[in-house]
Amino acid sequence: MKKNLLYIENDSIDVYFNFALEYYLTTEKTFEDSTVLLFWRTSPTLMVGKFQNTLEEINQKYVEEKNIRLVRRMSGGGTIYTDLGGWQYSFITKAEGDQIRFQEYIEPVIQALSGLGIDARFNGRNDLVIDGKKFSGTAQYMHNGFVVHHGSLLFGTDLEEMVKSTTVSQYKIISKGIKSVRDRVTNISDHLQQPIGIQEFKELMVSSLIGETGQRYSLNKNDIERIRVIAAEKFNNWDSIYGKNPKCNIIREGHFPGGNMEIRLDVKNNRILDAAIYGDFFGQLSQSEIRQALIDCSYSREELEQALGRLELNKTLYNISSEEILNTII
């Protein structure tokens, strides 16, 4: 990583804009003689890794109810939850090889945290820990001859929301999930010797990372307009978020006053290719009628609600409503 750093101020909390900014800086407005630093945050968001199946990583019903943003990163790795209580950082620099290397980008972050009295350690893969608890995940990719290394920094992130938004199974005990996360994950703010605000934390980190010789750059109007176009084209659209999903099997179980139901779905590109319904429930409909109603629907609450509504399940199933089935599927 080049020592001469250029910090680009970015106050946007729109994750699509922020990832588009990374893309813009590797394709259109490049700084080949400097390492660019971004330090940014987002409204509540789930960032899905490049190779992941979105539907298998999220609690879609909860995500929709809470208006949590979904985005697919250009880097690999796992799904992470971010909110206004945490920060993301990005290093963008001209590639000097074709190997992924984390250490050289993580070390400056560890040093900056050390200046705040935080004893952070690199776990050897792609995470940073404090006393064995993870507070930062990192990822890296190459594009157009540039390396983009980005990572999360949990400062005061809502860990309960993290668990609820990424727990797909409706019957997983949330309290145990939260306890498990708290045993493995921590916020930086819990380890500071003296409390500081989230904006002060940002300024201290940026100042440390760029040092005395670092320069600063502010986005101009033309930059912002172009980045917004990239955000819509490459990140804030259905095909980017869901379209790369491979075919997957989704199994849902519902326990109702009228009996139990198991629903199995084959989903590809967010569309239901096949379905099977099992259980000990009672009703006038056949399994095939319910199955046919689900096939070719998108795996979305709105379209499934319309499909199930046409079956008039409140009348044709005993003590099981279409709303209950919908809540089981999504």
C-alpha atoms as a PDB file:
ATOM      1  CA  MET A   1       0.000   0.000   0.000  1.00  0.00           C
ATOM      2  CA  LYS A   2       1.372   3.417  -0.963  1.00  0.00           C
ATOM      3  CA  LYS A   3       2.265   5.650   1.971  1.00  0.00           C
ATOM      4  CA  ASN A   4       0.869   8.866   0.498  1.00  0.00           C
ATOM      5  CA  LEU A   5      -2.787   8.768   1.464  1.00  0.00           C
ATOM      6  CA  LEU A   6      -5.638  10.797   0.036  1.00  0.00           C
ATOM      7  CA  TYR A   7      -8.718  10.988   2.254  1.00  0.00           C
ATOM      8  CA  ILE A   8     -12.007  11.623   0.458  1.00  0.00           C
ATOM      9  CA  GLU A   9     -14.728  13.011   2.687  1.00  0.00           C
ATOM     10  CA  ASN A  10     -18.067  11.260   2.247  1.00  0.00           C
ATOM     11  CA  ASP A  11     -21.020  11.994   4.522  1.00  0.00           C
ATOM     12  CA  SER A  12     -23.483   9.776   2.665  1.00  0.00           C
ATOM     13  CA  ILE A  13     -25.238   7.059   4.674  1.00  0.00           C
ATOM     14  CA  ASP A  14     -26.675   5.521   1.493  1.00  0.00           C
ATOM     15  CA  VAL A  15     -24.905   2.183   1.055  1.00  0.00           C
ATOM     16  CA  TYR A  16     -25.540   2.113  -2.705  1.00  0.00           C
ATOM     17  CA  PHE A  17     -23.875   5.515  -3.118  1.00  0.00           C
ATOM     18  CA  ASN A  18     -20.968   4.440  -0.940  1.00  0.00           C
ATOM     19  CA  PHE A  19     -20.245   1.260  -2.880  1.00  0.00           C
ATOM     20  CA  ALA A  20     -20.697   3.199  -6.120  1.00  0.00           C
ATOM     21  CA  LEU A  21     -18.063   5.638  -4.857  1.00  0.00           C
ATOM     22  CA  GLU A  22     -15.594   2.761  -4.498  1.00  0.00           C
ATOM     23  CA  TYR A  23     -16.403   1.672  -8.048  1.00  0.00           C
ATOM     24  CA  TYR A  24     -16.062   5.237  -9.376  1.00  0.00           C
ATOM     25  CA  LEU A  25     -12.617   5.529  -7.824  1.00  0.00           C
ATOM     26  CA  THR A  26     -11.418   2.358  -9.546  1.00  0.00           C
ATOM     27  CA  THR A  27     -12.856   3.053 -12.988  1.00  0.00           C
ATOM     28  CA  GLU A  28     -13.389   6.744 -13.724  1.00  0.00           C
ATOM     29  CA  LYS A  29     -11.672   8.994 -11.200  1.00  0.00           C
ATOM     30  CA  THR A  30      -8.510   7.118 -10.336  1.00  0.00           C
ATOM     31  CA  PHE A  31      -5.561   8.210  -8.200  1.00  0.00           C
ATOM     32  CA  GLU A  32      -2.751   5.902  -9.313  1.00  0.00           C
ATOM     33  CA  ASP A  33      -0.019   7.549  -7.233  1.00  0.00           C
ATOM     34  CA  SER A  34      -1.930   7.563  -3.948  1.00  0.00           C
ATOM     35  CA  THR A  35      -3.852   5.252  -1.677  1.00  0.00           C
ATOM     36  CA  VAL A  36      -7.386   6.564  -1.275  1.00  0.00           C
ATOM     37  CA  LEU A  37      -9.024   6.302   2.143  1.00  0.00           C
ATOM     38  CA  LEU A  38     -12.779   6.386   2.676  1.00  0.00           C
ATOM     39  CA  PHE A  39     -14.407   6.336   6.103  1.00  0.00           C
ATOM     40  CA  TRP A  40     -18.164   5.972   5.955  1.00  0.00           C
ATOM     41  CA  ARG A  41     -21.280   4.514   7.526  1.00  0.00           C
ATOM     42  CA  THR A  42     -24.764   3.478   6.486  1.00  0.00           C
ATOM     43  CA  SER A  43     -28.343   3.351   7.602  1.00  0.00           C
ATOM     44  CA  PRO A  44     -29.292  -0.201   8.761  1.00  0.00           C
ATOM     45  CA  THR A  45     -28.016  -2.469   5.998  1.00  0.00           C
ATOM     46  CA  LEU A  46     -27.173  -6.083   5.257  1.00  0.00           C
ATOM     47  CA  MET A  47     -24.152  -6.404   2.978  1.00  0.00           C
ATOM     48  CA  VAL A  48     -24.166  -9.763   1.221  1.00  0.00           C
ATOM     49  CA  GLY A  49     -20.911 -11.210  -0.073  1.00  0.00           C
ATOM     50  CA  LYS A  50     -20.273 -11.538  -3.804  1.00  0.00           C
ATOM     51  CA  PHE A  51     -20.747 -15.316  -3.870  1.00  0.00           C
ATOM     52  CA  GLN A  52     -23.568 -15.659  -1.361  1.00  0.00           C
ATOM     53  CA  ASN A  53     -27.216 -16.530  -1.874  1.00  0.00           C
ATOM     54  CA  THR A  54     -29.141 -13.544  -0.546  1.00  0.00           C
ATOM     55  CA  LEU A  55     -32.243 -15.530   0.402  1.00  0.00           C
ATOM     56  CA  GLU A  56     -30.263 -17.960   2.537  1.00  0.00           C
ATOM     57  CA  GLU A  57     -28.482 -15.205   4.467  1.00  0.00           C
ATOM     58  CA  ILE A  58     -31.313 -12.935   5.607  1.00  0.00           C
ATOM     59  CA  ASN A  59     -34.516 -12.952   7.582  1.00  0.00           C
ATOM     60  CA  GLN A  60     -36.479 -11.467   4.705  1.00  0.00           C
ATOM     61  CA  LYS A  61     -39.684 -10.809   6.620  1.00  0.00           C
ATOM     62  CA  TYR A  62     -37.822  -8.888   9.314  1.00  0.00           C
ATOM     63  CA  VAL A  63     -35.705  -7.041   6.761  1.00  0.00           C
ATOM     64  CA  GLU A  64     -38.835  -5.852   4.940  1.00  0.00           C
ATOM     65  CA  GLU A  65     -40.632  -4.853   8.136  1.00  0.00           C
ATOM     66  CA  LYS A  66     -37.655  -2.818   9.371  1.00  0.00           C
ATOM     67  CA  ASN A  67     -36.786  -1.338   5.955  1.00  0.00           C
ATOM     68  CA  ILE A  68     -33.254  -2.660   6.219  1.00  0.00           C
ATOM     69  CA  ARG A  69     -31.277  -2.061   3.042  1.00  0.00           C
ATOM     70  CA  LEU A  70     -29.843  -4.988   1.089  1.00  0.00           C
ATOM     71  CA  VAL A  71     -26.752  -4.753  -1.080  1.00  0.00           C
ATOM     72  CA  ARG A  72     -24.360  -7.185  -2.711  1.00  0.00           C
ATOM     73  CA  ARG A  73     -20.699  -6.315  -2.308  1.00  0.00           C
ATOM     74  CA  MET A  74     -18.139  -6.766  -5.059  1.00  0.00           C
ATOM     75  CA  SER A  75     -15.957  -8.579  -2.515  1.00  0.00           C
ATOM     76  CA  GLY A  76     -16.330 -12.083  -1.156  1.00  0.00           C
ATOM     77  CA  GLY A  77     -16.841 -13.088   2.455  1.00  0.00           C
ATOM     78  CA  GLY A  78     -19.954 -13.306   4.575  1.00  0.00           C
ATOM     79  CA  THR A  79     -22.989 -11.166   5.192  1.00  0.00           C
ATOM     80  CA  ILE A  80     -22.515  -8.328   7.659  1.00  0.00           C
ATOM     81  CA  TYR A  81     -24.972  -6.001   9.368  1.00  0.00           C
ATOM     82  CA  THR A  82     -24.157  -2.314   9.571  1.00  0.00           C
ATOM     83  CA  ASP A  83     -25.966   0.675  11.024  1.00  0.00           C
ATOM     84  CA  LEU A  84     -25.300   4.240  12.113  1.00  0.00           C
ATOM     85  CA  GLY A  85     -23.570   2.910  15.225  1.00  0.00           C
ATOM     86  CA  GLY A  86     -20.660   1.568  13.202  1.00  0.00           C
ATOM     87  CA  TRP A  87     -18.183   2.631  10.556  1.00  0.00           C
ATOM     88  CA  GLN A  88     -16.815   1.212   7.327  1.00  0.00           C
ATOM     89  CA  TYR A  89     -13.423   2.045   5.906  1.00  0.00           C
ATOM     90  CA  SER A  90     -12.029   1.514   2.409  1.00  0.00           C
ATOM     91  CA  PHE A  91      -8.492   1.604   1.051  1.00  0.00           C
ATOM     92  CA  ILE A  92      -8.206   1.880  -2.739  1.00  0.00           C
ATOM     93  CA  THR A  93      -4.806   1.632  -4.366  1.00  0.00           C
ATOM     94  CA  LYS A  94      -3.149   0.551  -7.603  1.00  0.00           C
ATOM     95  CA  ALA A  95      -2.576  -3.214  -7.524  1.00  0.00           C
ATOM     96  CA  GLU A  96       1.009  -4.438  -7.411  1.00  0.00           C
ATOM     97  CA  GLY A  97       0.148  -8.113  -7.864  1.00  0.00           C
ATOM     98  CA  ASP A  98      -2.791 -10.451  -8.122  1.00  0.00           C
ATOM     99  CA  GLN A  99      -2.864 -11.884  -4.602  1.00  0.00           C
ATOM    100  CA  ILE A 100      -5.265 -10.935  -1.835  1.00  0.00           C
ATOM    101  CA  ARG A 101      -3.294  -9.545   1.101  1.00  0.00           C
ATOM    102  CA  PHE A 102      -4.985  -8.367   4.281  1.00  0.00           C
ATOM    103  CA  GLN A 103      -2.139  -7.659   6.685  1.00  0.00           C
ATOM    104  CA  GLU A 104      -0.773  -4.491   5.055  1.00  0.00           C
ATOM    105  CA  TYR A 105      -4.197  -2.830   5.118  1.00  0.00           C
ATOM    106  CA  ILE A 106      -5.204  -4.055   8.556  1.00  0.00           C
ATOM    107  CA  GLU A 107      -2.007  -3.015  10.339  1.00  0.00           C
ATOM    108  CA  PRO A 108      -2.647   0.763  10.019  1.00  0.00           C
ATOM    109  CA  VAL A 109      -6.129   0.244  11.482  1.00  0.00           C
ATOM    110  CA  ILE A 110      -4.682  -1.687  14.421  1.00  0.00           C
ATOM    111  CA  GLN A 111      -2.161   1.108  15.015  1.00  0.00           C
ATOM    112  CA  ALA A 112      -4.871   3.784  14.883  1.00  0.00           C
ATOM    113  CA  LEU A 113      -6.943   1.859  17.426  1.00  0.00           C
ATOM    114  CA  SER A 114      -3.883   1.403  19.625  1.00  0.00           C
ATOM    115  CA  GLY A 115      -3.670   5.186  19.836  1.00  0.00           C
ATOM    116  CA  LEU A 116      -7.111   5.084  21.448  1.00  0.00           C
ATOM    117  CA  GLY A 117      -5.999   2.495  23.978  1.00  0.00           C
ATOM    118  CA  ILE A 118      -7.602  -0.437  22.130  1.00  0.00           C
ATOM    119  CA  ASP A 119      -5.593  -3.670  22.064  1.00  0.00           C
ATOM    120  CA  ALA A 120      -6.810  -5.003  18.710  1.00  0.00           C
ATOM    121  CA  ARG A 121      -5.448  -8.165  17.133  1.00  0.00           C
ATOM    122  CA  PHE A 122      -5.633  -9.702  13.648  1.00  0.00           C
ATOM    123  CA  ASN A 123      -6.989 -13.257  13.809  1.00  0.00           C
ATOM    124  CA  GLY A 124      -4.996 -14.409  10.789  1.00  0.00           C
ATOM    125  CA  ARG A 125      -7.890 -14.680   8.319  1.00  0.00           C
ATOM    126  CA  ASN A 126      -9.873 -11.492   7.858  1.00  0.00           C
ATOM    127  CA  ASP A 127     -11.166 -10.410  11.260  1.00  0.00           C
ATOM    128  CA  LEU A 128      -9.993  -8.085  14.024  1.00  0.00           C
ATOM    129  CA  VAL A 129     -10.655  -8.983  17.635  1.00  0.00           C
ATOM    130  CA  ILE A 130     -10.499  -7.478  21.109  1.00  0.00           C
ATOM    131  CA  ASP A 131      -9.988 -10.043  23.876  1.00  0.00           C
ATOM    132  CA  GLY A 132     -10.927 -12.722  21.384  1.00  0.00           C
ATOM    133  CA  LYS A 133     -14.194 -11.034  20.372  1.00  0.00           C
ATOM    134  CA  LYS A 134     -14.722  -9.885  16.815  1.00  0.00           C
ATOM    135  CA  PHE A 135     -15.367  -6.204  16.146  1.00  0.00           C
ATOM    136  CA  SER A 136     -14.231  -5.933  12.530  1.00  0.00           C
ATOM    137  CA  GLY A 137     -14.593  -8.040   9.417  1.00  0.00           C
ATOM    138  CA  THR A 138     -12.626  -7.233   6.284  1.00  0.00           C
ATOM    139  CA  ALA A 139     -12.863  -8.140   2.634  1.00  0.00           C
ATOM    140  CA  GLN A 140     -10.899  -7.382  -0.496  1.00  0.00           C
ATOM    141  CA  TYR A 141     -11.271  -7.480  -4.251  1.00  0.00           C
ATOM    142  CA  MET A 142      -9.482  -6.279  -7.364  1.00  0.00           C
ATOM    143  CA  HIS A 143     -11.082  -4.287 -10.150  1.00  0.00           C
ATOM    144  CA  ASN A 144      -9.595  -2.538 -13.169  1.00  0.00           C
ATOM    145  CA  GLY A 145      -6.074  -2.898 -11.815  1.00  0.00           C
ATOM    146  CA  PHE A 146      -6.932  -1.556  -8.355  1.00  0.00           C
ATOM    147  CA  VAL A 147      -7.182  -3.217  -4.969  1.00  0.00           C
ATOM    148  CA  VAL A 148     -10.197  -2.329  -2.848  1.00  0.00           C
ATOM    149  CA  HIS A 149      -9.814  -3.359   0.772  1.00  0.00           C
ATOM    150  CA  HIS A 150     -12.768  -2.543   2.972  1.00  0.00           C
ATOM    151  CA  GLY A 151     -13.800  -3.416   6.483  1.00  0.00           C
ATOM    152  CA  SER A 152     -16.363  -2.805   9.178  1.00  0.00           C
ATOM    153  CA  LEU A 153     -15.745  -1.313  12.603  1.00  0.00           C
ATOM    154  CA  LEU A 154     -18.399  -2.040  15.209  1.00  0.00           C
ATOM    155  CA  PHE A 155     -18.437   0.996  17.472  1.00  0.00           C
ATOM    156  CA  GLY A 156     -21.929   1.121  18.947  1.00  0.00           C
ATOM    157  CA  THR A 157     -23.804  -1.216  16.599  1.00  0.00           C
ATOM    158  CA  ASP A 158     -27.161  -2.665  17.687  1.00  0.00           C
ATOM    159  CA  LEU A 159     -26.246  -6.322  18.129  1.00  0.00           C
ATOM    160  CA  GLU A 160     -29.858  -7.410  18.641  1.00  0.00           C
ATOM    161  CA  GLU A 161     -30.781  -6.047  15.225  1.00  0.00           C
ATOM    162  CA  MET A 162     -27.763  -7.835  13.796  1.00  0.00           C
ATOM    163  CA  VAL A 163     -29.095 -11.164  15.058  1.00  0.00           C
ATOM    164  CA  LYS A 164     -32.729 -10.617  14.123  1.00  0.00           C
ATOM    165  CA  SER A 165     -32.012  -9.492  10.572  1.00  0.00           C
ATOM    166  CA  THR A 166     -29.723 -12.407   9.727  1.00  0.00           C
ATOM    167  CA  THR A 167     -31.617 -15.216  11.457  1.00  0.00           C
ATOM    168  CA  VAL A 168     -33.653 -16.961   8.786  1.00  0.00           C
ATOM    169  CA  SER A 169     -35.330 -19.670  10.875  1.00  0.00           C
ATOM    170  CA  GLN A 170     -38.492 -18.446  12.565  1.00  0.00           C
ATOM    171  CA  TYR A 171     -38.026 -20.968  15.365  1.00  0.00           C
ATOM    172  CA  LYS A 172     -34.488 -20.157  16.318  1.00  0.00           C
ATOM    173  CA  ILE A 173     -34.545 -18.747  19.823  1.00  0.00           C
ATOM    174  CA  ILE A 174     -33.553 -15.120  19.354  1.00  0.00           C
ATOM    175  CA  SER A 175     -32.394 -14.607  22.934  1.00  0.00           C
ATOM    176  CA  LYS A 176     -29.896 -17.440  22.586  1.00  0.00           C
ATOM    177  CA  GLY A 177     -28.773 -16.040  19.250  1.00  0.00           C
ATOM    178  CA  ILE A 178     -28.148 -12.631  20.793  1.00  0.00           C
ATOM    179  CA  LYS A 179     -26.289 -14.175  23.729  1.00  0.00           C
ATOM    180  CA  SER A 180     -24.136 -16.161  21.325  1.00  0.00           C
ATOM    181  CA  VAL A 181     -23.295 -13.043  19.322  1.00  0.00           C
ATOM    182  CA  ARG A 182     -22.453 -11.113  22.484  1.00  0.00           C
ATOM    183  CA  ASP A 183     -20.096 -13.914  23.469  1.00  0.00           C
ATOM    184  CA  ARG A 184     -18.304 -13.655  20.123  1.00  0.00           C
ATOM    185  CA  VAL A 185     -18.765 -10.025  19.011  1.00  0.00           C
ATOM    186  CA  THR A 186     -18.069  -6.710  20.698  1.00  0.00           C
ATOM    187  CA  ASN A 187     -18.321  -2.954  20.142  1.00  0.00           C
ATOM    188  CA  ILE A 188     -15.236  -0.753  20.289  1.00  0.00           C
ATOM    189  CA  SER A 189     -17.041   1.713  22.558  1.00  0.00           C
ATOM    190  CA  ASP A 190     -17.166  -0.934  25.295  1.00  0.00           C
ATOM    191  CA  HIS A 191     -13.360  -0.990  25.492  1.00  0.00           C
ATOM    192  CA  LEU A 192     -12.443   2.700  25.480  1.00  0.00           C
ATOM    193  CA  GLN A 193     -10.716   4.047  28.550  1.00  0.00           C
ATOM    194  CA  GLN A 194     -12.620   7.306  28.155  1.00  0.00           C
ATOM    195  CA  PRO A 195     -15.964   7.500  26.318  1.00  0.00           C
ATOM    196  CA  ILE A 196     -16.004   9.401  23.028  1.00  0.00           C
ATOM    197  CA  GLY A 197     -18.739  10.127  20.514  1.00  0.00           C
ATOM    198  CA  ILE A 198     -19.029   8.303  17.225  1.00  0.00           C
ATOM    199  CA  GLN A 199     -18.029  11.352  15.142  1.00  0.00           C
ATOM    200  CA  GLU A 200     -15.018  12.046  17.371  1.00  0.00           C
ATOM    201  CA  PHE A 201     -13.991   8.416  16.892  1.00  0.00           C
ATOM    202  CA  LYS A 202     -14.124   8.899  13.123  1.00  0.00           C
ATOM    203  CA  GLU A 203     -11.979  12.040  13.185  1.00  0.00           C
ATOM    204  CA  LEU A 204      -9.382  10.434  15.439  1.00  0.00           C
ATOM    205  CA  MET A 205      -9.174   7.369  13.221  1.00  0.00           C
ATOM    206  CA  VAL A 206      -8.934   9.355   9.980  1.00  0.00           C
ATOM    207  CA  SER A 207      -6.265  11.674  11.393  1.00  0.00           C
ATOM    208  CA  SER A 208      -4.219   8.695  12.513  1.00  0.00           C
ATOM    209  CA  LEU A 209      -4.580   6.824   9.233  1.00  0.00           C
ATOM    210  CA  ILE A 210      -3.608   9.672   6.916  1.00  0.00           C
ATOM    211  CA  GLY A 211      -0.931  11.097   9.211  1.00  0.00           C
ATOM    212  CA  GLU A 212       0.629  14.532   8.841  1.00  0.00           C
ATOM    213  CA  THR A 213       1.380  14.150   5.136  1.00  0.00           C
ATOM    214  CA  GLY A 214      -2.034  12.902   4.012  1.00  0.00           C
ATOM    215  CA  GLN A 215      -4.210  15.058   1.814  1.00  0.00           C
ATOM    216  CA  ARG A 216      -7.959  15.596   1.754  1.00  0.00           C
ATOM    217  CA  TYR A 217     -10.362  15.816  -1.155  1.00  0.00           C
ATOM    218  CA  SER A 218     -14.053  16.713  -1.271  1.00  0.00           C
ATOM    219  CA  LEU A 219     -16.411  15.324  -3.908  1.00  0.00           C
ATOM    220  CA  ASN A 220     -17.704  17.947  -6.331  1.00  0.00           C
ATOM    221  CA  LYS A 221     -21.118  18.176  -7.951  1.00  0.00           C
ATOM    222  CA  ASN A 222     -20.073  16.252 -11.054  1.00  0.00           C
ATOM    223  CA  ASP A 223     -18.576  13.481  -8.936  1.00  0.00           C
ATOM    224  CA  ILE A 224     -21.775  13.123  -6.921  1.00  0.00           C
ATOM    225  CA  GLU A 225     -24.057  13.065  -9.956  1.00  0.00           C
ATOM    226  CA  ARG A 226     -22.006  10.374 -11.661  1.00  0.00           C
ATOM    227  CA  ILE A 227     -21.776   8.256  -8.492  1.00  0.00           C
ATOM    228  CA  ARG A 228     -25.559   8.348  -8.135  1.00  0.00           C
ATOM    229  CA  VAL A 229     -25.937   6.981 -11.661  1.00  0.00           C
ATOM    230  CA  ILE A 230     -23.515   4.144 -10.888  1.00  0.00           C
ATOM    231  CA  ALA A 231     -25.360   3.405  -7.641  1.00  0.00           C
ATOM    232  CA  ALA A 232     -28.637   2.859  -9.500  1.00  0.00           C
ATOM    233  CA  GLU A 233     -27.082   0.871 -12.337  1.00  0.00           C
ATOM    234  CA  LYS A 234     -24.804  -1.448 -10.379  1.00  0.00           C
ATOM    235  CA  PHE A 235     -25.967  -1.701  -6.769  1.00  0.00           C
ATOM    236  CA  ASN A 236     -29.501  -0.491  -6.066  1.00  0.00           C
ATOM    237  CA  ASN A 237     -31.433  -2.886  -8.261  1.00  0.00           C
ATOM    238  CA  TRP A 238     -33.060  -6.288  -8.029  1.00  0.00           C
ATOM    239  CA  ASP A 239     -30.682  -8.067 -10.395  1.00  0.00           C
ATOM    240  CA  SER A 240     -27.623  -7.036  -8.430  1.00  0.00           C
ATOM    241  CA  ILE A 241     -29.092  -7.990  -5.058  1.00  0.00           C
ATOM    242  CA  TYR A 242     -30.983 -11.158  -5.994  1.00  0.00           C
ATOM    243  CA  GLY A 243     -30.311 -11.990  -9.619  1.00  0.00           C
ATOM    244  CA  LYS A 244     -27.069 -13.880  -9.046  1.00  0.00           C
ATOM    245  CA  ASN A 245     -28.684 -16.276  -6.601  1.00  0.00           C
ATOM    246  CA  PRO A 246     -28.337 -19.899  -7.670  1.00  0.00           C
ATOM    247  CA  LYS A 247     -31.166 -22.363  -7.335  1.00  0.00           C
ATOM    248  CA  CYS A 248     -31.710 -23.113  -3.652  1.00  0.00           C
ATOM    249  CA  ASN A 249     -33.984 -25.119  -1.431  1.00  0.00           C
ATOM    250  CA  ILE A 250     -35.963 -23.244   1.200  1.00  0.00           C
ATOM    251  CA  ILE A 251     -37.744 -25.186   3.929  1.00  0.00           C
ATOM    252  CA  ARG A 252     -40.244 -23.486   6.210  1.00  0.00           C
ATOM    253  CA  GLU A 253     -42.284 -24.974   9.059  1.00  0.00           C
ATOM    254  CA  GLY A 254     -45.482 -23.531  10.481  1.00  0.00           C
ATOM    255  CA  HIS A 255     -47.322 -24.618  13.622  1.00  0.00           C
ATOM    256  CA  PHE A 256     -50.934 -23.441  13.627  1.00  0.00           C
ATOM    257  CA  PRO A 257     -54.134 -24.104  15.601  1.00  0.00           C
ATOM    258  CA  GLY A 258     -55.322 -26.149  12.614  1.00  0.00           C
ATOM    259  CA  GLY A 259     -52.181 -28.287  12.386  1.00  0.00           C
ATOM    260  CA  ASN A 260     -48.579 -28.287  11.256  1.00  0.00           C
ATOM    261  CA  MET A 261     -47.342 -27.450   7.767  1.00  0.00           C
ATOM    262  CA  GLU A 262     -43.999 -27.855   6.056  1.00  0.00           C
ATOM    263  CA  ILE A 263     -43.383 -25.888   2.867  1.00  0.00           C
ATOM    264  CA  ARG A 264     -40.454 -26.686   0.585  1.00  0.00           C
ATOM    265  CA  LEU A 265     -39.516 -24.297  -2.215  1.00  0.00           C
ATOM    266  CA  ASP A 266     -37.031 -24.470  -5.062  1.00  0.00           C
ATOM    267  CA  VAL A 267     -36.001 -20.886  -5.801  1.00  0.00           C
ATOM    268  CA  LYS A 268     -33.766 -19.516  -8.539  1.00  0.00           C
ATOM    269  CA  ASN A 269     -33.201 -15.854  -9.380  1.00  0.00           C
ATOM    270  CA  ASN A 270     -35.731 -15.084  -6.650  1.00  0.00           C
ATOM    271  CA  ARG A 271     -38.491 -16.990  -8.494  1.00  0.00           C
ATOM    272  CA  ILE A 272     -40.195 -20.147  -7.203  1.00  0.00           C
ATOM    273  CA  LEU A 273     -39.589 -23.014  -9.643  1.00  0.00           C
ATOM    274  CA  ASP A 274     -41.312 -25.724  -7.630  1.00  0.00           C
ATOM    275  CA  ALA A 275     -43.041 -26.229  -4.307  1.00  0.00           C
ATOM    276  CA  ALA A 276     -44.191 -29.030  -2.033  1.00  0.00           C
ATOM    277  CA  ILE A 277     -46.527 -28.845   0.965  1.00  0.00           C
ATOM    278  CA  TYR A 278     -46.686 -31.408   3.763  1.00  0.00           C
ATOM    279  CA  GLY A 279     -48.388 -31.540   7.157  1.00  0.00           C
ATOM    280  CA  ASP A 280     -51.205 -32.784   9.343  1.00  0.00           C
ATOM    281  CA  PHE A 281     -53.603 -29.943   8.602  1.00  0.00           C
ATOM    282  CA  PHE A 282     -57.181 -30.177   7.301  1.00  0.00           C
ATOM    283  CA  GLY A 283     -58.682 -28.484   4.285  1.00  0.00           C
ATOM    284  CA  GLN A 284     -60.644 -28.652   1.090  1.00  0.00           C
ATOM    285  CA  LEU A 285     -57.682 -27.831  -1.134  1.00  0.00           C
ATOM    286  CA  SER A 286     -55.296 -30.416  -2.481  1.00  0.00           C
ATOM    287  CA  GLN A 287     -51.563 -30.088  -2.082  1.00  0.00           C
ATOM    288  CA  SER A 288     -51.227 -29.619  -5.832  1.00  0.00           C
ATOM    289  CA  GLU A 289     -53.565 -26.612  -5.816  1.00  0.00           C
ATOM    290  CA  ILE A 290     -51.425 -24.809  -3.231  1.00  0.00           C
ATOM    291  CA  ARG A 291     -48.284 -25.889  -5.079  1.00  0.00           C
ATOM    292  CA  GLN A 292     -49.496 -24.526  -8.409  1.00  0.00           C
ATOM    293  CA  ALA A 293     -50.407 -21.188  -6.803  1.00  0.00           C
ATOM    294  CA  LEU A 294     -46.822 -20.768  -5.574  1.00  0.00           C
ATOM    295  CA  ILE A 295     -44.960 -21.844  -8.718  1.00  0.00           C
ATOM    296  CA  ASP A 296     -43.591 -18.962 -10.805  1.00  0.00           C
ATOM    297  CA  CYS A 297     -44.200 -16.389  -8.072  1.00  0.00           C
ATOM    298  CA  SER A 298     -41.300 -14.194  -7.089  1.00  0.00           C
ATOM    299  CA  TYR A 299     -40.079 -14.867  -3.569  1.00  0.00           C
ATOM    300  CA  SER A 300     -41.548 -11.593  -2.337  1.00  0.00           C
ATOM    301  CA  ARG A 301     -44.231 -10.878   0.189  1.00  0.00           C
ATOM    302  CA  GLU A 302     -46.365  -8.801  -2.180  1.00  0.00           C
ATOM    303  CA  GLU A 303     -46.614 -11.367  -4.981  1.00  0.00           C
ATOM    304  CA  LEU A 304     -47.070 -14.343  -2.665  1.00  0.00           C
ATOM    305  CA  GLU A 305     -49.810 -12.504  -0.800  1.00  0.00           C
ATOM    306  CA  GLN A 306     -51.706 -12.061  -4.074  1.00  0.00           C
ATOM    307  CA  ALA A 307     -51.235 -15.707  -5.064  1.00  0.00           C
ATOM    308  CA  LEU A 308     -52.396 -17.067  -1.723  1.00  0.00           C
ATOM    309  CA  GLY A 309     -55.279 -14.612  -1.622  1.00  0.00           C
ATOM    310  CA  ARG A 310     -56.729 -16.130  -4.785  1.00  0.00           C
ATOM    311  CA  LEU A 311     -56.995 -19.500  -3.020  1.00  0.00           C
ATOM    312  CA  GLU A 312     -59.221 -18.053  -0.261  1.00  0.00           C
ATOM    313  CA  LEU A 313     -57.342 -20.129   2.297  1.00  0.00           C
ATOM    314  CA  ASN A 314     -59.342 -18.652   5.183  1.00  0.00           C
ATOM    315  CA  LYS A 315     -62.300 -20.605   3.836  1.00  0.00           C
ATOM    316  CA  THR A 316     -60.620 -23.677   2.403  1.00  0.00           C
ATOM    317  CA  LEU A 317     -58.187 -24.586   5.207  1.00  0.00           C
ATOM    318  CA  TYR A 318     -59.183 -25.397   8.771  1.00  0.00           C
ATOM    319  CA  ASN A 319     -57.886 -22.884  11.319  1.00  0.00           C
ATOM    320  CA  ILE A 320     -55.009 -21.755   9.103  1.00  0.00           C
ATOM    321  CA  SER A 321     -55.126 -18.326   7.485  1.00  0.00           C
ATOM    322  CA  SER A 322     -53.376 -17.111   4.364  1.00  0.00           C
ATOM    323  CA  GLU A 323     -51.596 -14.545   6.544  1.00  0.00           C
ATOM    324  CA  GLU A 324     -50.171 -17.302   8.747  1.00  0.00           C
ATOM    325  CA  ILE A 325     -48.917 -19.231   5.722  1.00  0.00           C
ATOM    326  CA  LEU A 326     -47.459 -16.069   4.222  1.00  0.00           C
ATOM    327  CA  ASN A 327     -45.619 -15.322   7.461  1.00  0.00           C
ATOM    328  CA  THR A 328     -44.260 -18.857   7.410  1.00  0.00           C
ATOM    329  CA  ILE A 329     -42.969 -18.643   3.842  1.00  0.00           C
ATOM    330  CA  ILE A 330     -41.415 -15.184   4.131  1.00  0.00           C
END
